[in-house]
Amino acid sequence: MHSTVPVIWEMVTQTKIHIRPAEKKDRSQLANMIHFETYVHRHLDWRPPLDWIGCHPYMVAEKDKRIFAAMACTPDPPGIAWIRVFVCVSLTSQSQAWDMLWPPAKQHLTETNVTSLAAIPLQKWFRELLEDKGFQHIHNVIALAWDNNNYNLPEPKLIIIRDMREDELASIQKIDEASFGPIWRNSLDSLKLAFNQAVSATVAVDQSRPIGFQITTPSPYGAHLARLAVHPDTQNQGVGYALIRHLQSQFENPQPKRLTVNTQDDNNVSIILYKKAGFVLTNEAYPVYLHDFGM
């Protein structure tokens, strides 16, 4: 149960700074900060940052009824926390804002048995802040792209692939959980969001039972393969490759589009699979940072 109580910080001027959970009434202020301030971190997510309001911990720092900093690191799925939002106004020290917001956020995470916090910082200032606060750079997320280059690609195995149904997302979530390490797993709610945004969502089936899936969402240049997973019991049987080739067939001529995908730079199995399907590495890379803060 969330038990964080508001904290009051005293400045030299004796002006009271309130640290409290974000509320629905804060949406307008937070929206302006996220869209117009310089120091803004937004997690690469299917859920917009304002949609996390009401979930814990989502802390704001307020002075004279004006919010000047905010942090959201809601666990999803339970036990896994990412920094969803970190923002502060330009006249505020990012380090001081962190030191105000982090203790009550950490308290809630500890109470809900979360011991690690992850982030993908896209800006130098946020990378430097994380390093200063004890985060470790564990690896990078890299990008690959396919531009309708199907020349000399191997034919996939004959595997039944059909459109994904919303009523089987619970089964899809179990495949997702079995296929990825803890920080990369998706909750059922997250997969529902991805499914509702998808331009393509398919499953590979064996005797009517899903054994793998892909969810692809729109991108400015075409589409992004947001999730590809095959149950460990059926890996190394061509299922992932068949799902990719089936997906690519939906983006071929007469209207070819760029298809992108991300994976970890130390996931050699995935990199080999995507290259086999005609994807090539781009110059994009996003660092992944992790902080183990204990119980």
Protein backbone atom coordinates (compact mmCIF):
# COMPACT_ATOMS: atom_id res chain seq x y z
CA MET A 1 0.00 0.00 0.00
CA HIS A 2 1.31 3.45 -0.84
CA SER A 3 2.28 5.18 2.41
CA THR A 4 4.43 8.05 1.23
CA VAL A 5 3.58 11.20 3.15
CA PRO A 6 4.26 14.72 1.92
CA VAL A 7 7.72 16.00 2.82
CA ILE A 8 8.50 19.66 3.46
CA TRP A 9 11.92 21.06 2.52
CA GLU A 10 13.10 24.43 3.88
CA MET A 11 15.17 26.75 1.72
CA VAL A 12 17.46 29.48 3.05
CA THR A 13 14.67 31.97 2.36
CA GLN A 14 12.32 29.83 4.52
CA THR A 15 10.06 29.31 1.49
CA LYS A 16 8.40 25.94 1.89
CA ILE A 17 8.89 23.35 -0.81
CA HIS A 18 6.33 20.56 -0.80
CA ILE A 19 7.17 17.10 -2.12
CA ARG A 20 3.98 15.18 -2.81
CA PRO A 21 2.39 12.65 -5.19
CA ALA A 22 1.20 14.04 -8.52
CA GLU A 23 -2.54 14.54 -8.83
CA LYS A 24 -4.95 14.96 -11.71
CA LYS A 25 -5.10 18.69 -11.08
CA ASP A 26 -1.38 18.85 -11.95
CA ARG A 27 -1.86 17.72 -15.56
CA SER A 28 -1.77 21.21 -17.06
CA GLN A 29 1.39 22.27 -15.23
CA LEU A 30 3.15 19.00 -15.95
CA ALA A 31 2.13 19.09 -19.61
CA ASN A 32 3.65 22.56 -20.01
CA MET A 33 6.86 21.47 -18.31
CA ILE A 34 7.22 18.29 -20.36
CA HIS A 35 6.60 20.09 -23.65
CA PHE A 36 8.49 23.35 -23.09
CA GLU A 37 11.24 22.88 -20.51
CA THR A 38 14.84 22.04 -21.43
CA TYR A 39 15.55 19.39 -18.81
CA VAL A 40 13.03 16.70 -19.68
CA HIS A 41 13.50 12.94 -19.69
CA ARG A 42 10.70 10.83 -21.16
CA HIS A 43 10.90 7.06 -21.23
CA LEU A 44 10.47 5.35 -24.60
CA ASP A 45 7.05 4.01 -23.79
CA TRP A 46 3.64 3.13 -25.20
CA ARG A 47 2.06 5.20 -22.43
CA PRO A 48 2.34 9.03 -22.48
CA PRO A 49 3.99 10.51 -19.35
CA LEU A 50 0.81 12.20 -18.13
CA ASP A 51 -1.02 8.87 -18.14
CA TRP A 52 1.13 7.72 -15.22
CA ILE A 53 -0.50 10.30 -12.94
CA GLY A 54 -2.35 8.41 -10.21
CA CYS A 55 0.23 5.61 -10.28
CA HIS A 56 2.94 5.51 -7.63
CA PRO A 57 5.55 6.76 -7.25
CA TYR A 58 4.95 9.92 -9.28
CA MET A 59 6.36 12.76 -7.18
CA VAL A 60 6.31 16.51 -7.74
CA ALA A 61 8.22 19.33 -6.04
CA GLU A 62 6.12 22.44 -5.55
CA LYS A 63 6.87 25.98 -4.34
CA ASP A 64 4.27 28.74 -4.09
CA LYS A 65 1.78 26.33 -5.72
CA ARG A 66 3.98 26.01 -8.81
CA ILE A 67 5.53 22.66 -9.71
CA PHE A 68 9.21 22.98 -10.56
CA ALA A 69 10.27 19.32 -10.74
CA ALA A 70 8.70 15.88 -11.16
CA MET A 71 9.75 12.24 -11.21
CA ALA A 72 7.76 9.12 -12.10
CA CYS A 73 9.17 5.62 -11.74
CA THR A 74 6.09 3.44 -11.48
CA PRO A 75 6.79 -0.32 -11.41
CA ASP A 76 5.28 -2.07 -14.43
CA PRO A 77 5.18 -5.05 -14.32
CA PRO A 78 5.34 -5.32 -10.52
CA GLY A 79 8.90 -5.48 -9.26
CA ILE A 80 10.37 -3.69 -12.30
CA ALA A 81 10.79 0.09 -12.27
CA TRP A 82 11.88 2.47 -15.02
CA ILE A 83 12.23 6.23 -14.79
CA ARG A 84 9.16 7.18 -16.82
CA VAL A 85 9.53 10.94 -16.38
CA PHE A 86 12.08 13.30 -14.87
CA VAL A 87 11.67 17.02 -15.47
CA CYS A 88 12.72 20.23 -13.78
CA VAL A 89 12.57 23.90 -14.70
CA SER A 90 15.70 25.53 -16.09
CA LEU A 91 16.47 27.61 -12.98
CA THR A 92 16.52 24.50 -10.77
CA SER A 93 19.57 22.29 -10.25
CA GLN A 94 18.81 18.87 -11.69
CA SER A 95 20.85 17.26 -8.91
CA GLN A 96 18.95 19.09 -6.18
CA ALA A 97 15.62 18.23 -7.80
CA TRP A 98 16.65 14.55 -7.84
CA ASP A 99 17.68 14.68 -4.18
CA MET A 100 14.26 16.05 -3.25
CA LEU A 101 12.18 13.62 -5.29
CA TRP A 102 14.18 10.40 -4.98
CA PRO A 103 13.81 9.63 -1.22
CA PRO A 104 9.99 9.38 -1.20
CA ALA A 105 10.05 7.57 -4.55
CA LYS A 106 12.63 5.10 -3.24
CA GLN A 107 10.54 4.58 -0.09
CA HIS A 108 7.56 3.47 -2.16
CA LEU A 109 9.67 1.24 -4.42
CA THR A 110 11.25 -0.42 -1.39
CA GLU A 111 7.83 -1.03 0.15
CA THR A 112 6.70 -2.75 -3.05
CA ASN A 113 9.81 -4.98 -3.23
CA VAL A 114 11.51 -3.17 -6.09
CA THR A 115 15.29 -3.17 -5.67
CA SER A 116 16.47 -1.87 -9.06
CA LEU A 117 15.63 1.19 -11.12
CA ALA A 118 16.45 1.42 -14.85
CA ALA A 119 16.55 4.28 -17.33
CA ILE A 120 17.36 4.98 -20.97
CA PRO A 121 18.75 8.54 -20.96
CA LEU A 122 18.68 10.19 -24.36
CA GLN A 123 20.39 13.43 -23.33
CA LYS A 124 23.88 14.05 -22.00
CA TRP A 125 22.69 15.99 -18.94
CA PHE A 126 20.53 13.08 -17.79
CA ARG A 127 23.29 10.50 -18.38
CA GLU A 128 25.64 12.60 -16.28
CA LEU A 129 23.01 12.98 -13.55
CA LEU A 130 22.40 9.23 -13.39
CA GLU A 131 26.11 8.49 -13.18
CA ASP A 132 26.45 11.03 -10.38
CA LYS A 133 23.60 9.31 -8.50
CA GLY A 134 25.17 5.85 -8.66
CA PHE A 135 23.65 4.36 -11.81
CA GLN A 136 25.73 1.93 -13.88
CA HIS A 137 25.80 1.79 -17.68
CA ILE A 138 24.99 -1.89 -18.35
CA HIS A 139 24.61 -1.98 -22.14
CA ASN A 140 23.09 -0.14 -25.12
CA VAL A 141 19.88 -0.50 -27.06
CA ILE A 142 20.73 -0.42 -30.77
CA ALA A 143 18.59 0.13 -33.85
CA LEU A 144 18.34 -1.85 -37.09
CA ALA A 145 16.34 -1.01 -40.22
CA TRP A 146 14.91 -2.86 -43.22
CA ASP A 147 14.15 -0.92 -46.41
CA ASN A 148 12.33 -3.52 -48.47
CA ASN A 149 15.59 -5.27 -49.38
CA ASN A 150 14.43 -8.84 -49.82
CA TYR A 151 17.17 -9.95 -52.18
CA ASN A 152 18.48 -13.46 -51.53
CA LEU A 153 16.76 -13.80 -48.15
CA PRO A 154 16.15 -17.41 -47.04
CA GLU A 155 12.60 -18.69 -47.26
CA PRO A 156 10.92 -19.15 -43.88
CA LYS A 157 9.66 -22.48 -42.63
CA LEU A 158 5.98 -23.27 -43.10
CA ILE A 159 4.58 -22.03 -39.82
CA ILE A 160 0.98 -20.98 -39.29
CA ILE A 161 0.78 -17.23 -38.66
CA ARG A 162 -2.46 -15.34 -38.12
CA ASP A 163 -3.70 -12.05 -36.71
CA MET A 164 -3.49 -11.68 -32.95
CA ARG A 165 -6.76 -11.56 -31.02
CA GLU A 166 -7.26 -9.32 -28.03
CA ASP A 167 -8.71 -12.18 -26.00
CA GLU A 168 -5.39 -14.05 -26.14
CA LEU A 169 -3.21 -11.24 -24.78
CA ALA A 170 -2.93 -13.00 -21.42
CA SER A 171 -1.28 -15.94 -23.19
CA ILE A 172 0.90 -13.51 -25.13
CA GLN A 173 2.03 -11.91 -21.87
CA LYS A 174 3.17 -15.31 -20.57
CA ILE A 175 5.27 -15.82 -23.70
CA ASP A 176 6.72 -12.34 -23.20
CA GLU A 177 7.57 -13.06 -19.57
CA ALA A 178 9.24 -16.36 -20.42
CA SER A 179 11.28 -14.85 -23.25
CA PHE A 180 12.90 -11.81 -21.61
CA GLY A 181 14.92 -10.90 -18.56
CA PRO A 182 13.17 -9.06 -15.72
CA ILE A 183 13.78 -5.45 -16.77
CA TRP A 184 12.57 -6.08 -20.33
CA ARG A 185 9.28 -7.84 -19.55
CA ASN A 186 5.95 -6.22 -20.31
CA SER A 187 2.84 -6.25 -18.17
CA LEU A 188 -0.52 -7.26 -19.61
CA ASP A 189 -1.62 -3.60 -19.51
CA SER A 190 1.43 -2.54 -21.54
CA LEU A 191 0.80 -5.23 -24.14
CA LYS A 192 -2.83 -4.10 -24.40
CA LEU A 193 -1.61 -0.56 -25.10
CA ALA A 194 0.77 -1.82 -27.76
CA PHE A 195 -1.92 -4.01 -29.32
CA ASN A 196 -4.32 -1.07 -29.54
CA GLN A 197 -1.67 1.06 -31.26
CA ALA A 198 -0.47 -1.67 -33.63
CA VAL A 199 -0.45 -1.52 -37.41
CA SER A 200 0.32 -5.24 -37.35
CA ALA A 201 -0.01 -7.84 -34.58
CA THR A 202 0.35 -11.53 -35.40
CA VAL A 203 0.94 -14.83 -33.65
CA ALA A 204 2.63 -18.03 -34.70
CA VAL A 205 0.57 -21.01 -33.61
CA ASP A 206 1.10 -24.71 -33.03
CA GLN A 207 -2.12 -26.72 -32.71
CA SER A 208 -4.01 -23.43 -32.17
CA ARG A 209 -1.68 -22.50 -29.30
CA PRO A 210 0.36 -19.29 -29.67
CA ILE A 211 4.09 -20.02 -29.53
CA GLY A 212 5.36 -16.63 -30.66
CA PHE A 213 4.15 -13.15 -31.56
CA GLN A 214 5.05 -9.76 -32.97
CA ILE A 215 3.53 -6.33 -32.40
CA THR A 216 4.42 -3.52 -34.80
CA THR A 217 3.46 0.12 -34.25
CA PRO A 218 3.52 3.18 -36.54
CA SER A 219 6.68 5.26 -36.94
CA PRO A 220 7.39 8.50 -38.84
CA TYR A 221 9.13 6.53 -41.61
CA GLY A 222 6.91 3.46 -41.76
CA ALA A 223 6.61 1.08 -38.86
CA HIS A 224 8.53 -0.15 -35.83
CA LEU A 225 8.71 -3.80 -34.76
CA ALA A 226 8.04 -3.01 -31.11
CA ARG A 227 7.95 -6.57 -29.79
CA LEU A 228 9.00 -9.98 -31.07
CA ALA A 229 9.04 -13.01 -28.80
CA VAL A 230 9.06 -16.78 -29.16
CA HIS A 231 8.44 -19.10 -26.23
CA PRO A 232 11.72 -20.70 -25.08
CA ASP A 233 10.27 -24.19 -25.67
CA THR A 234 9.97 -23.45 -29.41
CA GLN A 235 13.00 -21.25 -30.02
CA ASN A 236 15.61 -22.16 -32.66
CA GLN A 237 12.89 -23.62 -34.88
CA GLY A 238 12.48 -20.72 -37.31
CA VAL A 239 9.43 -19.23 -35.61
CA GLY A 240 10.89 -15.75 -35.08
CA TYR A 241 12.18 -15.58 -38.65
CA ALA A 242 8.79 -16.67 -40.02
CA LEU A 243 7.06 -13.94 -38.01
CA ILE A 244 9.47 -11.31 -39.35
CA ARG A 245 9.15 -12.41 -42.99
CA HIS A 246 5.36 -12.48 -42.69
CA LEU A 247 5.50 -8.94 -41.28
CA GLN A 248 7.81 -7.76 -44.07
CA SER A 249 5.39 -9.07 -46.67
CA GLN A 250 2.89 -6.48 -45.42
CA PHE A 251 5.30 -3.62 -46.18
CA GLU A 252 6.56 -4.61 -49.63
CA ASN A 253 5.76 -2.97 -52.97
CA PRO A 254 3.88 -1.11 -54.27
CA GLN A 255 4.27 1.07 -51.16
CA PRO A 256 7.52 0.04 -49.49
CA LYS A 257 8.12 1.45 -46.03
CA ARG A 258 11.03 1.41 -43.63
CA LEU A 259 10.71 -1.12 -40.83
CA THR A 260 12.83 -0.56 -37.73
CA VAL A 261 13.58 -2.62 -34.63
CA ASN A 262 15.61 -2.25 -31.43
CA THR A 263 17.55 -4.81 -29.44
CA GLN A 264 20.35 -4.89 -26.89
CA ASP A 265 23.89 -4.71 -28.23
CA ASP A 266 24.81 -7.84 -26.26
CA ASN A 267 21.87 -9.89 -27.62
CA ASN A 268 23.76 -11.65 -30.39
CA VAL A 269 20.94 -14.10 -31.10
CA SER A 270 18.53 -11.28 -31.94
CA ILE A 271 21.10 -9.35 -33.97
CA ILE A 272 21.87 -12.43 -36.09
CA LEU A 273 18.13 -13.08 -36.59
CA TYR A 274 17.40 -9.53 -37.78
CA LYS A 275 20.41 -9.48 -40.10
CA LYS A 276 19.24 -12.79 -41.57
CA ALA A 277 15.93 -11.05 -42.36
CA GLY A 278 17.68 -8.20 -44.19
CA PHE A 279 17.92 -5.64 -41.38
CA VAL A 280 21.07 -3.53 -41.18
CA LEU A 281 22.52 -1.70 -38.22
CA THR A 282 21.98 2.05 -38.04
CA ASN A 283 24.06 4.56 -36.09
CA GLU A 284 21.43 4.87 -33.36
CA ALA A 285 22.27 3.63 -29.87
CA TYR A 286 20.63 4.35 -26.52
CA PRO A 287 22.44 3.65 -23.23
CA VAL A 288 20.71 1.61 -20.54
CA TYR A 289 21.49 2.51 -16.93
CA LEU A 290 20.64 0.51 -13.83
CA HIS A 291 20.76 1.36 -10.13
CA ASP A 292 20.51 -1.34 -7.45
CA PHE A 293 19.50 0.42 -4.26
CA GLY A 294 18.69 -2.59 -2.06
CA MET A 295 15.92 -3.08 0.42
